[in-house]
Amino acid sequence: MKFAALVSGGKDSIFAIQKALEAGHEVTDLINIIPARDDSYMYHSINLHMVELISEASEIPLIQQESSGIKELELDDLTLALKKVDVDGVTVGAIESQYQANRVQKICASLGLEVYSPLWHRDPEELLQEMAKVLDVRIVRVAADGMDESWLGRPINSTSIEQLKALNRRRMVHMAGEGGEYETVVLDAPFYKKRIEIVRSEIEWLGDQGTLNIIEAKLVDKT
């Protein structure tokens, strides 16, 4: 099948593309919704400029659609974006968010599109271990008890997965960040033709949460 992929630049949406490709599907377009509000219920707003580099790195065309970010009204913006592509369905990186899954399903049903959700209800630890084997994932935002400034820029690997397990046991932090505990960006994946390198970044820390703002990044050849 031909799919468009809903992407934020984070681990879940990128891994959903990887799983679609492994299953023999074609991903013809990336779709990125840019919310006007940081508190959007549907869309991420951290380091969204990185999606343009991901499009270049993967050589998959990108469609960006601005959104009001207002609850429920922002769904119309996704509909507008999906009307711009000629595909059979849409890949999404949803794991547990019923709110997002239901709304994407409803929009796609209205447009006659299939929804491909290969991560849905997967075990979080197993999923992270699988991602860590093939993706270069970096944490770029934290907002959870027990996740301090040292987590920003940290890769998702066997060490950080064990630390997330400990936080899950002690403080109920969702290992995959489904409660908004952390957000990520993917610097490399098997379907990238080049990898992304962060050139310059800065940490913004406010109270008990913070962000790694990526100021400059570039594409480099894979070794």
Protein backbone atom coordinates (compact mmCIF):
# COMPACT_ATOMS: atom_id res chain seq x y z
CA MET A 1 0.00 0.00 0.00
CA LYS A 2 0.96 3.64 -0.45
CA PHE A 3 1.06 5.57 2.79
CA ALA A 4 1.48 9.13 3.95
CA ALA A 5 3.14 9.32 7.36
CA LEU A 6 2.09 11.65 10.15
CA VAL A 7 5.38 12.83 11.64
CA SER A 8 6.56 15.02 14.48
CA GLY A 9 10.23 14.05 14.17
CA GLY A 10 9.99 11.93 17.31
CA LYS A 11 10.69 8.24 17.84
CA ASP A 12 7.13 6.91 17.52
CA SER A 13 6.20 8.46 14.19
CA ILE A 14 9.59 7.62 12.67
CA PHE A 15 9.52 4.03 13.90
CA ALA A 16 6.01 3.61 12.47
CA ILE A 17 7.47 4.52 9.06
CA GLN A 18 10.25 1.98 9.55
CA LYS A 19 7.75 -0.76 10.38
CA ALA A 20 5.61 0.12 7.35
CA LEU A 21 8.63 -0.12 5.07
CA GLU A 22 9.68 -3.43 6.62
CA ALA A 23 6.17 -4.74 5.92
CA GLY A 24 6.62 -3.92 2.23
CA HIS A 25 4.57 -0.74 2.05
CA GLU A 26 5.61 2.50 0.31
CA VAL A 27 5.76 5.81 2.18
CA THR A 28 5.30 8.57 -0.38
CA ASP A 29 4.80 11.65 1.80
CA LEU A 30 5.53 13.01 5.26
CA ILE A 31 2.79 15.12 6.84
CA ASN A 32 3.66 17.50 9.67
CA ILE A 33 1.10 19.65 11.44
CA ILE A 34 2.44 22.86 12.99
CA PRO A 35 0.27 23.97 15.92
CA ALA A 36 0.05 27.63 16.87
CA ARG A 37 -0.21 26.59 20.53
CA ASP A 38 2.28 24.65 22.67
CA ASP A 39 -0.58 22.90 24.48
CA SER A 40 -2.09 21.22 21.42
CA TYR A 41 -3.92 17.98 22.28
CA MET A 42 -2.98 16.38 18.96
CA TYR A 43 0.36 17.68 17.73
CA HIS A 44 3.91 18.15 19.02
CA SER A 45 5.51 21.58 18.90
CA ILE A 46 9.14 20.93 19.97
CA ASN A 47 11.91 21.37 17.35
CA LEU A 48 9.48 20.95 14.46
CA HIS A 49 12.02 22.48 12.08
CA MET A 50 13.88 19.15 12.34
CA VAL A 51 11.13 17.52 10.29
CA GLU A 52 12.41 19.39 7.23
CA LEU A 53 15.83 17.80 7.71
CA ILE A 54 14.22 14.40 8.19
CA SER A 55 12.45 14.89 4.85
CA GLU A 56 15.78 15.74 3.20
CA ALA A 57 17.59 12.88 4.93
CA SER A 58 15.00 10.31 3.89
CA GLU A 59 14.25 11.87 0.49
CA ILE A 60 10.52 11.66 1.24
CA PRO A 61 8.55 14.81 0.29
CA LEU A 62 7.14 16.85 3.17
CA ILE A 63 3.75 18.53 3.46
CA GLN A 64 3.44 20.97 6.36
CA GLN A 65 0.12 22.35 7.49
CA GLU A 66 -0.31 25.14 10.01
CA SER A 67 -2.91 24.55 12.68
CA SER A 68 -4.81 26.64 15.21
CA GLY A 69 -3.83 24.15 17.91
CA ILE A 70 -7.31 24.62 19.41
CA LYS A 71 -8.87 21.40 20.70
CA GLU A 72 -11.12 19.70 18.13
CA LEU A 73 -10.80 22.59 15.64
CA GLU A 74 -7.23 21.45 14.96
CA LEU A 75 -8.60 18.25 13.46
CA ASP A 76 -9.76 20.21 10.41
CA ASP A 77 -6.13 21.08 9.68
CA LEU A 78 -5.18 17.41 9.50
CA THR A 79 -8.05 16.82 7.10
CA LEU A 80 -6.77 19.63 4.86
CA ALA A 81 -3.27 18.12 4.81
CA LEU A 82 -4.50 14.61 4.01
CA LYS A 83 -6.55 15.92 1.09
CA LYS A 84 -3.26 16.98 -0.55
CA VAL A 85 -1.90 13.43 -0.95
CA ASP A 86 -2.86 10.52 -3.18
CA VAL A 87 -2.40 7.50 -0.91
CA ASP A 88 -4.19 4.42 0.38
CA GLY A 89 -3.62 5.14 4.04
CA VAL A 90 -1.74 6.86 6.82
CA THR A 91 0.94 5.65 9.24
CA VAL A 92 0.73 6.88 12.83
CA GLY A 93 3.01 6.34 15.81
CA ALA A 94 0.25 6.07 18.41
CA ILE A 95 0.99 3.70 21.29
CA GLU A 96 -1.72 4.28 23.90
CA SER A 97 -3.39 7.65 23.29
CA GLN A 98 -7.03 6.79 22.64
CA TYR A 99 -7.81 10.49 22.14
CA GLN A 100 -5.44 10.79 19.19
CA ALA A 101 -6.16 7.35 17.76
CA ASN A 102 -9.93 7.86 17.70
CA ARG A 103 -9.67 11.21 15.97
CA VAL A 104 -7.18 10.06 13.33
CA GLN A 105 -9.37 7.02 12.66
CA LYS A 106 -12.45 9.22 12.24
CA ILE A 107 -10.70 11.61 9.84
CA CYS A 108 -9.21 8.81 7.77
CA ALA A 109 -12.55 6.99 7.60
CA SER A 110 -14.16 10.15 6.23
CA LEU A 111 -11.50 10.29 3.51
CA GLY A 112 -11.53 6.57 2.73
CA LEU A 113 -8.02 6.02 4.08
CA GLU A 114 -6.60 3.08 6.03
CA VAL A 115 -4.78 3.72 9.32
CA TYR A 116 -1.55 1.82 9.94
CA SER A 117 -0.63 1.80 13.65
CA PRO A 118 2.17 -0.76 14.11
CA LEU A 119 3.06 0.43 17.64
CA TRP A 120 -0.46 0.33 19.06
CA HIS A 121 -0.53 -1.29 22.51
CA ARG A 122 2.99 -2.64 22.20
CA ASP A 123 4.88 -3.29 25.45
CA PRO A 124 6.80 -0.02 26.11
CA GLU A 125 10.07 -1.63 27.23
CA GLU A 126 10.08 -4.08 24.33
CA LEU A 127 9.28 -1.25 21.92
CA LEU A 128 12.11 0.97 23.19
CA GLN A 129 14.59 -1.91 22.97
CA GLU A 130 13.54 -2.52 19.37
CA MET A 131 13.82 1.18 18.51
CA ALA A 132 17.25 1.49 20.12
CA LYS A 133 18.63 -1.18 17.79
CA VAL A 134 17.83 0.76 14.60
CA LEU A 135 17.19 4.42 15.44
CA ASP A 136 19.40 7.20 16.81
CA VAL A 137 16.88 8.76 19.22
CA ARG A 138 17.68 11.76 21.41
CA ILE A 139 15.57 13.15 24.25
CA VAL A 140 14.81 16.84 23.64
CA ARG A 141 12.18 17.60 26.25
CA VAL A 142 11.47 16.35 29.77
CA ALA A 143 8.54 17.10 32.03
CA ALA A 144 8.40 14.40 34.69
CA ASP A 145 9.34 13.88 38.30
CA GLY A 146 12.83 12.38 38.36
CA MET A 147 13.88 13.59 34.91
CA ASP A 148 16.31 16.47 35.35
CA GLU A 149 18.43 18.55 32.98
CA SER A 150 20.91 15.69 32.49
CA TRP A 151 18.31 13.82 30.43
CA LEU A 152 18.28 16.43 27.67
CA GLY A 153 20.24 15.22 24.66
CA ARG A 154 20.51 11.71 26.08
CA PRO A 155 20.12 8.83 23.58
CA ILE A 156 17.57 6.07 23.98
CA ASN A 157 19.81 3.05 24.51
CA SER A 158 20.11 0.09 26.88
CA THR A 159 21.39 2.31 29.69
CA SER A 160 18.66 4.94 29.46
CA ILE A 161 16.00 2.23 29.05
CA GLU A 162 17.08 0.71 32.36
CA GLN A 163 16.91 4.16 33.94
CA LEU A 164 13.42 4.67 32.53
CA LYS A 165 12.41 1.29 33.98
CA ALA A 166 13.57 2.47 37.40
CA LEU A 167 11.62 5.73 37.04
CA ASN A 168 8.56 3.77 36.01
CA ARG A 169 8.78 1.61 39.13
CA ARG A 170 9.48 4.47 41.52
CA ARG A 171 7.48 7.35 40.06
CA MET A 172 5.13 5.84 37.46
CA VAL A 173 6.89 7.60 34.57
CA HIS A 174 5.63 6.00 31.34
CA MET A 175 8.63 4.36 29.69
CA ALA A 176 7.62 5.48 26.21
CA GLY A 177 6.69 9.00 27.33
CA GLU A 178 3.00 8.54 26.56
CA GLY A 179 2.05 10.82 29.43
CA GLY A 180 4.13 13.67 28.01
CA GLU A 181 7.05 12.82 30.31
CA TYR A 182 9.54 13.28 27.48
CA GLU A 183 9.80 14.00 23.76
CA THR A 184 12.43 12.99 21.24
CA VAL A 185 13.97 13.60 17.85
CA VAL A 186 15.37 10.91 15.53
CA LEU A 187 18.76 11.70 14.02
CA ASP A 188 19.14 8.48 12.04
CA ALA A 189 17.03 5.58 10.84
CA PRO A 190 17.54 2.77 8.29
CA PHE A 191 15.48 4.63 5.69
CA TYR A 192 17.47 7.86 6.03
CA LYS A 193 19.92 8.27 3.16
CA LYS A 194 21.99 10.61 5.36
CA ARG A 195 22.05 11.08 9.10
CA ILE A 196 21.40 14.29 11.01
CA GLU A 197 24.05 15.89 13.17
CA ILE A 198 23.25 18.52 15.80
CA VAL A 199 25.66 21.43 15.40
CA ARG A 200 24.38 23.82 18.03
CA SER A 201 21.76 23.59 20.74
CA GLU A 202 20.82 25.20 24.01
CA ILE A 203 18.98 24.05 27.09
CA GLU A 204 15.96 25.96 28.34
CA TRP A 205 14.98 24.93 31.86
CA LEU A 206 11.89 26.26 33.58
CA GLY A 207 11.05 25.01 37.06
CA ASP A 208 10.68 21.24 36.81
CA GLN A 209 10.80 20.83 33.03
CA GLY A 210 13.08 21.69 30.17
CA THR A 211 13.81 21.58 26.46
CA LEU A 212 16.88 21.04 24.31
CA ASN A 213 16.31 23.63 21.60
CA ILE A 214 18.16 22.61 18.44
CA ILE A 215 19.44 25.82 16.90
CA GLU A 216 21.48 24.36 14.05
CA ALA A 217 21.72 20.89 12.52
CA LYS A 218 23.01 19.46 9.27
CA LEU A 219 22.99 16.32 7.12
CA VAL A 220 26.15 14.24 6.98
CA ASP A 221 27.07 11.09 5.06
CA LYS A 222 26.60 7.78 6.81
CA THR A 223 29.83 5.96 7.54
